[in-house]
Structures are given as C-alpha cells and as structure tokens.
C-alpha cells in the first residue's frame, strides 16, 4: 500500500488538531509544524484558525516565514483558514495577493454559521462556521473569489493557495479538505 501525501499543519496555536484529524481521515499523513525542520518533506501545508497576532509572532520567533514562502513558491499547496487566511495576506507572509480585514463580522458573540455556494464545487452549499472571522477586503487580479457572505469575499484561490475565512474542520462536510488534498496529490504527482 502506498502511503498518502504528507501534509504539514502549522501547530503554533489554534485549531490544528481538527485539521489533522480531517486530513488523516481522508488518507493523508500529517505532521505538526512548529519549527523549520518540521517543514522538511511536507507536500502541502495547512495554516489553521486561531489568533493571528499570536501565530505571527510565533512564526517570526521560529524563523518559519521564509520557509513557508519558499514552500508556496515551489508550488506546494497551502490552505489557510480564518487566522490562516490573515497569515497568508499581503501584510503578513505575503503569499497571496489579498488584504484581510480581521474580525470583520464582529467579536466572538457575533459568530455565525451560513450555507455558502461555491460555483466550482459540486454537491450543494458548504455549511460554514464563522468565528471572529475575517473577510477579504482587497484582492489582486490573479485571485479567484470562490464564495461570499453579504457581498464580502470569504473564500479565494490563487494558484496553489486557497484561503477560507471560516472553519471547515469544525463541520462534517470534507469537500474543501478533499479538494486541498487533491491539489497536494497533483503536486506530488
């Protein structure tokens, strides 16, 4: 039996355990990424939700910024959810030509769930859980917007990088993780 691809999950803070569980249920091997050496040999990387300032400080402290940028530049798929979306924007890691607006829908008490239409995803709407979620305030011409809430983009893709302002790992619909994993498998080809 051939082993599945190796997906790194940034594990500095936040919802990394739930992403690992979903990836493993879908047949991937996973590795928690806390230091540069943990990126060695990964075929893709998930940047989970959490607190973006805390995550940014930890990325800088551990020297992970340049290796994550290099991983993306090599074509490895990246998936950023909630705070992970913020981490990948122009003002943070600069991996995707977007600008995130933090806590755009409001504080914790304004968290909500919504069914999102993804035009490029079969099987009906995706049930999405938004917790202190950002939205995409600006995007460059190479960014494809995938879904929105009240006219605000909440999902996008540019090449090998996908960002979601919600938490797909908290629901039962695995289609977005499956699509990411398909990208990882195509990359490892």
C-alpha atoms as a PDB file:
ATOM      1  CA  UNK A   1       0.000   0.000   0.000  1.00  0.00           C
ATOM      2  CA  UNK A   2       1.334   3.432  -0.976  1.00  0.00           C
ATOM      3  CA  UNK A   3       1.440   5.960   1.863  1.00  0.00           C
ATOM      4  CA  UNK A   4      -0.610   9.115   1.433  1.00  0.00           C
ATOM      5  CA  UNK A   5       0.968  12.521   0.952  1.00  0.00           C
ATOM      6  CA  UNK A   6       2.494  14.293   3.942  1.00  0.00           C
ATOM      7  CA  UNK A   7       0.528  17.374   4.961  1.00  0.00           C
ATOM      8  CA  UNK A   8       2.035  19.753   7.468  1.00  0.00           C
ATOM      9  CA  UNK A   9      -0.320  21.532   9.849  1.00  0.00           C
ATOM     10  CA  UNK A  10       1.023  24.697  11.462  1.00  0.00           C
ATOM     11  CA  UNK A  11       0.717  23.888  15.167  1.00  0.00           C
ATOM     12  CA  UNK A  12       1.858  27.049  16.911  1.00  0.00           C
ATOM     13  CA  UNK A  13      -1.600  27.906  18.230  1.00  0.00           C
ATOM     14  CA  UNK A  14      -5.192  27.416  17.185  1.00  0.00           C
ATOM     15  CA  UNK A  15      -7.341  24.687  15.641  1.00  0.00           C
ATOM     16  CA  UNK A  16      -4.590  22.470  14.245  1.00  0.00           C
ATOM     17  CA  UNK A  17      -5.752  19.169  15.808  1.00  0.00           C
ATOM     18  CA  UNK A  18      -9.093  19.216  13.983  1.00  0.00           C
ATOM     19  CA  UNK A  19      -7.368  19.790  10.626  1.00  0.00           C
ATOM     20  CA  UNK A  20      -5.010  16.885  11.326  1.00  0.00           C
ATOM     21  CA  UNK A  21      -7.971  14.624  12.098  1.00  0.00           C
ATOM     22  CA  UNK A  22      -9.757  15.500   8.837  1.00  0.00           C
ATOM     23  CA  UNK A  23      -6.600  15.098   6.735  1.00  0.00           C
ATOM     24  CA  UNK A  24      -5.869  11.706   8.297  1.00  0.00           C
ATOM     25  CA  UNK A  25      -9.467  10.552   7.794  1.00  0.00           C
ATOM     26  CA  UNK A  26      -9.023  11.424   4.107  1.00  0.00           C
ATOM     27  CA  UNK A  27      -5.876   9.302   3.817  1.00  0.00           C
ATOM     28  CA  UNK A  28      -3.079  11.824   4.280  1.00  0.00           C
ATOM     29  CA  UNK A  29      -0.200  11.518   6.670  1.00  0.00           C
ATOM     30  CA  UNK A  30       0.189  14.622   8.826  1.00  0.00           C
ATOM     31  CA  UNK A  31       2.906  16.360  10.768  1.00  0.00           C
ATOM     32  CA  UNK A  32       2.574  19.206  13.247  1.00  0.00           C
ATOM     33  CA  UNK A  33       4.800  22.094  12.152  1.00  0.00           C
ATOM     34  CA  UNK A  34       6.358  24.099  14.964  1.00  0.00           C
ATOM     35  CA  UNK A  35       9.948  24.643  13.771  1.00  0.00           C
ATOM     36  CA  UNK A  36      11.652  24.863  10.374  1.00  0.00           C
ATOM     37  CA  UNK A  37      12.786  21.219  10.452  1.00  0.00           C
ATOM     38  CA  UNK A  38       9.124  20.148  10.632  1.00  0.00           C
ATOM     39  CA  UNK A  39       8.595  21.500   7.091  1.00  0.00           C
ATOM     40  CA  UNK A  40      11.160  19.074   5.654  1.00  0.00           C
ATOM     41  CA  UNK A  41       9.445  16.786   3.156  1.00  0.00           C
ATOM     42  CA  UNK A  42       5.901  18.117   3.523  1.00  0.00           C
ATOM     43  CA  UNK A  43       3.799  18.084   0.344  1.00  0.00           C
ATOM     44  CA  UNK A  44       1.347  20.765   1.483  1.00  0.00           C
ATOM     45  CA  UNK A  45       0.655  22.981   4.486  1.00  0.00           C
ATOM     46  CA  UNK A  46      -2.472  23.952   6.416  1.00  0.00           C
ATOM     47  CA  UNK A  47      -2.445  27.229   8.346  1.00  0.00           C
ATOM     48  CA  UNK A  48      -5.362  26.879  10.783  1.00  0.00           C
ATOM     49  CA  UNK A  49      -7.604  29.303  12.592  1.00  0.00           C
ATOM     50  CA  UNK A  50      -6.508  30.753  15.895  1.00  0.00           C
ATOM     51  CA  UNK A  51      -5.249  34.165  16.922  1.00  0.00           C
ATOM     52  CA  UNK A  52      -3.346  35.733  14.032  1.00  0.00           C
ATOM     53  CA  UNK A  53      -1.148  38.032  16.130  1.00  0.00           C
ATOM     54  CA  UNK A  54      -0.003  35.169  18.352  1.00  0.00           C
ATOM     55  CA  UNK A  55       0.586  32.977  15.298  1.00  0.00           C
ATOM     56  CA  UNK A  56       2.530  35.738  13.506  1.00  0.00           C
ATOM     57  CA  UNK A  57       4.799  36.265  16.487  1.00  0.00           C
ATOM     58  CA  UNK A  58       5.453  32.528  16.748  1.00  0.00           C
ATOM     59  CA  UNK A  59       6.194  32.261  13.011  1.00  0.00           C
ATOM     60  CA  UNK A  60       8.739  35.059  13.317  1.00  0.00           C
ATOM     61  CA  UNK A  61      10.243  33.657  16.538  1.00  0.00           C
ATOM     62  CA  UNK A  62      10.724  30.213  14.954  1.00  0.00           C
ATOM     63  CA  UNK A  63      12.027  31.574  11.640  1.00  0.00           C
ATOM     64  CA  UNK A  64       9.188  29.963   9.679  1.00  0.00           C
ATOM     65  CA  UNK A  65       8.226  32.908   7.456  1.00  0.00           C
ATOM     66  CA  UNK A  66      10.809  32.407   4.687  1.00  0.00           C
ATOM     67  CA  UNK A  67      10.493  28.599   4.610  1.00  0.00           C
ATOM     68  CA  UNK A  68       6.688  28.886   4.285  1.00  0.00           C
ATOM     69  CA  UNK A  69       7.095  31.411   1.451  1.00  0.00           C
ATOM     70  CA  UNK A  70       9.621  29.090  -0.212  1.00  0.00           C
ATOM     71  CA  UNK A  71       7.244  26.126   0.124  1.00  0.00           C
ATOM     72  CA  UNK A  72       4.498  28.108  -1.628  1.00  0.00           C
ATOM     73  CA  UNK A  73       6.939  29.341  -4.298  1.00  0.00           C
ATOM     74  CA  UNK A  74       7.875  25.703  -5.072  1.00  0.00           C
ATOM     75  CA  UNK A  75       4.201  25.047  -5.821  1.00  0.00           C
ATOM     76  CA  UNK A  76       3.211  23.131  -2.701  1.00  0.00           C
ATOM     77  CA  UNK A  77      -0.488  23.730  -1.949  1.00  0.00           C
ATOM     78  CA  UNK A  78      -1.318  25.850   1.080  1.00  0.00           C
ATOM     79  CA  UNK A  79      -4.691  26.078   2.832  1.00  0.00           C
ATOM     80  CA  UNK A  80      -5.314  28.977   5.205  1.00  0.00           C
ATOM     81  CA  UNK A  81      -8.464  29.039   7.325  1.00  0.00           C
ATOM     82  CA  UNK A  82      -9.647  32.020   9.397  1.00  0.00           C
ATOM     83  CA  UNK A  83      -6.424  33.289  11.015  1.00  0.00           C
ATOM     84  CA  UNK A  84      -4.562  31.273   8.366  1.00  0.00           C
ATOM     85  CA  UNK A  85      -6.181  33.496   5.722  1.00  0.00           C
ATOM     86  CA  UNK A  86      -4.845  36.542   7.556  1.00  0.00           C
ATOM     87  CA  UNK A  87      -1.382  34.962   7.850  1.00  0.00           C
ATOM     88  CA  UNK A  88      -1.153  34.480   4.068  1.00  0.00           C
ATOM     89  CA  UNK A  89      -2.198  38.033   3.099  1.00  0.00           C
ATOM     90  CA  UNK A  90      -0.014  40.895   1.810  1.00  0.00           C
ATOM     91  CA  UNK A  91       0.682  42.364   5.243  1.00  0.00           C
ATOM     92  CA  UNK A  92       1.816  39.122   6.860  1.00  0.00           C
ATOM     93  CA  UNK A  93       3.529  36.321   4.907  1.00  0.00           C
ATOM     94  CA  UNK A  94       2.689  37.933   1.553  1.00  0.00           C
ATOM     95  CA  UNK A  95       1.946  34.580  -0.077  1.00  0.00           C
ATOM     96  CA  UNK A  96      -1.405  35.663  -1.564  1.00  0.00           C
ATOM     97  CA  UNK A  97      -2.335  38.996  -3.140  1.00  0.00           C
ATOM     98  CA  UNK A  98      -5.155  39.728  -0.697  1.00  0.00           C
ATOM     99  CA  UNK A  99      -5.684  42.035   2.241  1.00  0.00           C
ATOM    100  CA  UNK A 100      -7.692  40.580   5.100  1.00  0.00           C
ATOM    101  CA  UNK A 101      -9.913  42.558   7.424  1.00  0.00           C
ATOM    102  CA  UNK A 102      -9.605  40.971  10.868  1.00  0.00           C
ATOM    103  CA  UNK A 103     -12.753  40.253  12.915  1.00  0.00           C
ATOM    104  CA  UNK A 104     -14.722  41.686  10.003  1.00  0.00           C
ATOM    105  CA  UNK A 105     -18.053  40.188  11.045  1.00  0.00           C
ATOM    106  CA  UNK A 106     -17.613  41.233  14.686  1.00  0.00           C
ATOM    107  CA  UNK A 107     -16.465  39.883  18.006  1.00  0.00           C
ATOM    108  CA  UNK A 108     -16.882  36.337  19.339  1.00  0.00           C
ATOM    109  CA  UNK A 109     -20.560  36.886  20.207  1.00  0.00           C
ATOM    110  CA  UNK A 110     -21.215  37.674  16.533  1.00  0.00           C
ATOM    111  CA  UNK A 111     -20.012  34.251  15.388  1.00  0.00           C
ATOM    112  CA  UNK A 112     -22.431  32.557  12.993  1.00  0.00           C
ATOM    113  CA  UNK A 113     -22.995  29.729  10.548  1.00  0.00           C
ATOM    114  CA  UNK A 114     -24.024  30.061   6.902  1.00  0.00           C
ATOM    115  CA  UNK A 115     -24.510  27.926   3.813  1.00  0.00           C
ATOM    116  CA  UNK A 116     -22.159  29.076   1.052  1.00  0.00           C
ATOM    117  CA  UNK A 117     -22.470  28.492  -2.667  1.00  0.00           C
ATOM    118  CA  UNK A 118     -19.175  27.577  -4.297  1.00  0.00           C
ATOM    119  CA  UNK A 119     -19.721  27.760  -8.061  1.00  0.00           C
ATOM    120  CA  UNK A 120     -16.856  25.330  -8.696  1.00  0.00           C
ATOM    121  CA  UNK A 121     -17.843  22.724  -6.076  1.00  0.00           C
ATOM    122  CA  UNK A 122     -20.450  20.038  -6.682  1.00  0.00           C
ATOM    123  CA  UNK A 123     -22.805  18.732  -4.027  1.00  0.00           C
ATOM    124  CA  UNK A 124     -24.675  21.841  -2.964  1.00  0.00           C
ATOM    125  CA  UNK A 125     -23.819  24.548  -0.454  1.00  0.00           C
ATOM    126  CA  UNK A 126     -20.991  24.258   2.073  1.00  0.00           C
ATOM    127  CA  UNK A 127     -22.082  24.753   5.672  1.00  0.00           C
ATOM    128  CA  UNK A 128     -19.559  27.191   7.136  1.00  0.00           C
ATOM    129  CA  UNK A 129     -18.766  28.111  10.738  1.00  0.00           C
ATOM    130  CA  UNK A 130     -17.517  31.695  11.200  1.00  0.00           C
ATOM    131  CA  UNK A 131     -15.797  32.579  14.498  1.00  0.00           C
ATOM    132  CA  UNK A 132     -14.387  36.124  14.757  1.00  0.00           C
ATOM    133  CA  UNK A 133     -13.889  35.700  11.039  1.00  0.00           C
ATOM    134  CA  UNK A 134     -12.030  37.935   8.614  1.00  0.00           C
ATOM    135  CA  UNK A 135     -13.132  38.715   5.112  1.00  0.00           C
ATOM    136  CA  UNK A 136     -11.087  39.606   2.053  1.00  0.00           C
ATOM    137  CA  UNK A 137     -11.109  43.408   1.872  1.00  0.00           C
ATOM    138  CA  UNK A 138      -8.916  43.646  -1.252  1.00  0.00           C
ATOM    139  CA  UNK A 139      -7.556  41.231  -3.826  1.00  0.00           C
ATOM    140  CA  UNK A 140      -5.289  41.344  -6.816  1.00  0.00           C
ATOM    141  CA  UNK A 141      -6.185  40.321 -10.383  1.00  0.00           C
ATOM    142  CA  UNK A 142      -4.730  36.809 -10.017  1.00  0.00           C
ATOM    143  CA  UNK A 143      -7.070  35.924  -7.144  1.00  0.00           C
ATOM    144  CA  UNK A 144     -10.225  33.919  -7.884  1.00  0.00           C
ATOM    145  CA  UNK A 145     -13.046  34.618  -5.427  1.00  0.00           C
ATOM    146  CA  UNK A 146     -14.901  31.409  -4.573  1.00  0.00           C
ATOM    147  CA  UNK A 147     -17.650  32.387  -2.106  1.00  0.00           C
ATOM    148  CA  UNK A 148     -19.008  35.410  -0.263  1.00  0.00           C
ATOM    149  CA  UNK A 149     -21.300  36.434   2.584  1.00  0.00           C
ATOM    150  CA  UNK A 150     -23.379  39.590   2.152  1.00  0.00           C
ATOM    151  CA  UNK A 151     -21.126  40.681  -0.707  1.00  0.00           C
ATOM    152  CA  UNK A 152     -17.896  40.142   1.257  1.00  0.00           C
ATOM    153  CA  UNK A 153     -15.451  37.543  -0.150  1.00  0.00           C
ATOM    154  CA  UNK A 154     -14.789  34.738   2.342  1.00  0.00           C
ATOM    155  CA  UNK A 155     -13.044  32.164   0.136  1.00  0.00           C
ATOM    156  CA  UNK A 156     -10.457  32.569  -2.595  1.00  0.00           C
ATOM    157  CA  UNK A 157      -7.784  30.772  -4.553  1.00  0.00           C
ATOM    158  CA  UNK A 158      -4.662  31.915  -6.354  1.00  0.00           C
ATOM    159  CA  UNK A 159      -2.635  29.157  -7.971  1.00  0.00           C
ATOM    160  CA  UNK A 160      -1.678  26.661  -5.274  1.00  0.00           C
ATOM    161  CA  UNK A 161      -3.040  28.711  -2.351  1.00  0.00           C
ATOM    162  CA  UNK A 162      -6.608  28.536  -1.025  1.00  0.00           C
ATOM    163  CA  UNK A 163      -7.953  30.682   1.798  1.00  0.00           C
ATOM    164  CA  UNK A 164     -11.211  30.390   3.728  1.00  0.00           C
ATOM    165  CA  UNK A 165     -12.373  32.828   6.395  1.00  0.00           C
ATOM    166  CA  UNK A 166     -14.348  30.094   8.141  1.00  0.00           C
ATOM    167  CA  UNK A 167     -13.564  26.765   9.847  1.00  0.00           C
ATOM    168  CA  UNK A 168     -14.225  23.788   7.529  1.00  0.00           C
ATOM    169  CA  UNK A 169     -12.584  21.478  10.076  1.00  0.00           C
ATOM    170  CA  UNK A 170     -15.469  22.061  12.530  1.00  0.00           C
ATOM    171  CA  UNK A 171     -18.186  20.619  10.296  1.00  0.00           C
ATOM    172  CA  UNK A 172     -18.888  17.270   8.697  1.00  0.00           C
ATOM    173  CA  UNK A 173     -18.502  18.393   5.064  1.00  0.00           C
ATOM    174  CA  UNK A 174     -14.987  17.451   3.974  1.00  0.00           C
ATOM    175  CA  UNK A 175     -15.197  18.629   0.344  1.00  0.00           C
ATOM    176  CA  UNK A 176     -12.867  21.607   0.813  1.00  0.00           C
ATOM    177  CA  UNK A 177     -10.266  19.461   2.563  1.00  0.00           C
ATOM    178  CA  UNK A 178     -10.719  16.839  -0.187  1.00  0.00           C
ATOM    179  CA  UNK A 179     -10.058  19.478  -2.840  1.00  0.00           C
ATOM    180  CA  UNK A 180      -6.948  20.659  -0.995  1.00  0.00           C
ATOM    181  CA  UNK A 181      -5.730  17.085  -0.705  1.00  0.00           C
ATOM    182  CA  UNK A 182      -6.375  16.558  -4.441  1.00  0.00           C
ATOM    183  CA  UNK A 183      -4.159  19.598  -5.085  1.00  0.00           C
ATOM    184  CA  UNK A 184      -1.482  18.090  -2.813  1.00  0.00           C
ATOM    185  CA  UNK A 185      -1.659  14.757  -4.658  1.00  0.00           C
ATOM    186  CA  UNK A 186      -1.404  16.541  -8.017  1.00  0.00           C
ATOM    187  CA  UNK A 187       1.630  18.464  -6.741  1.00  0.00           C
ATOM    188  CA  UNK A 188       3.374  15.270  -5.630  1.00  0.00           C
ATOM    189  CA  UNK A 189       2.270  13.647  -8.936  1.00  0.00           C
END
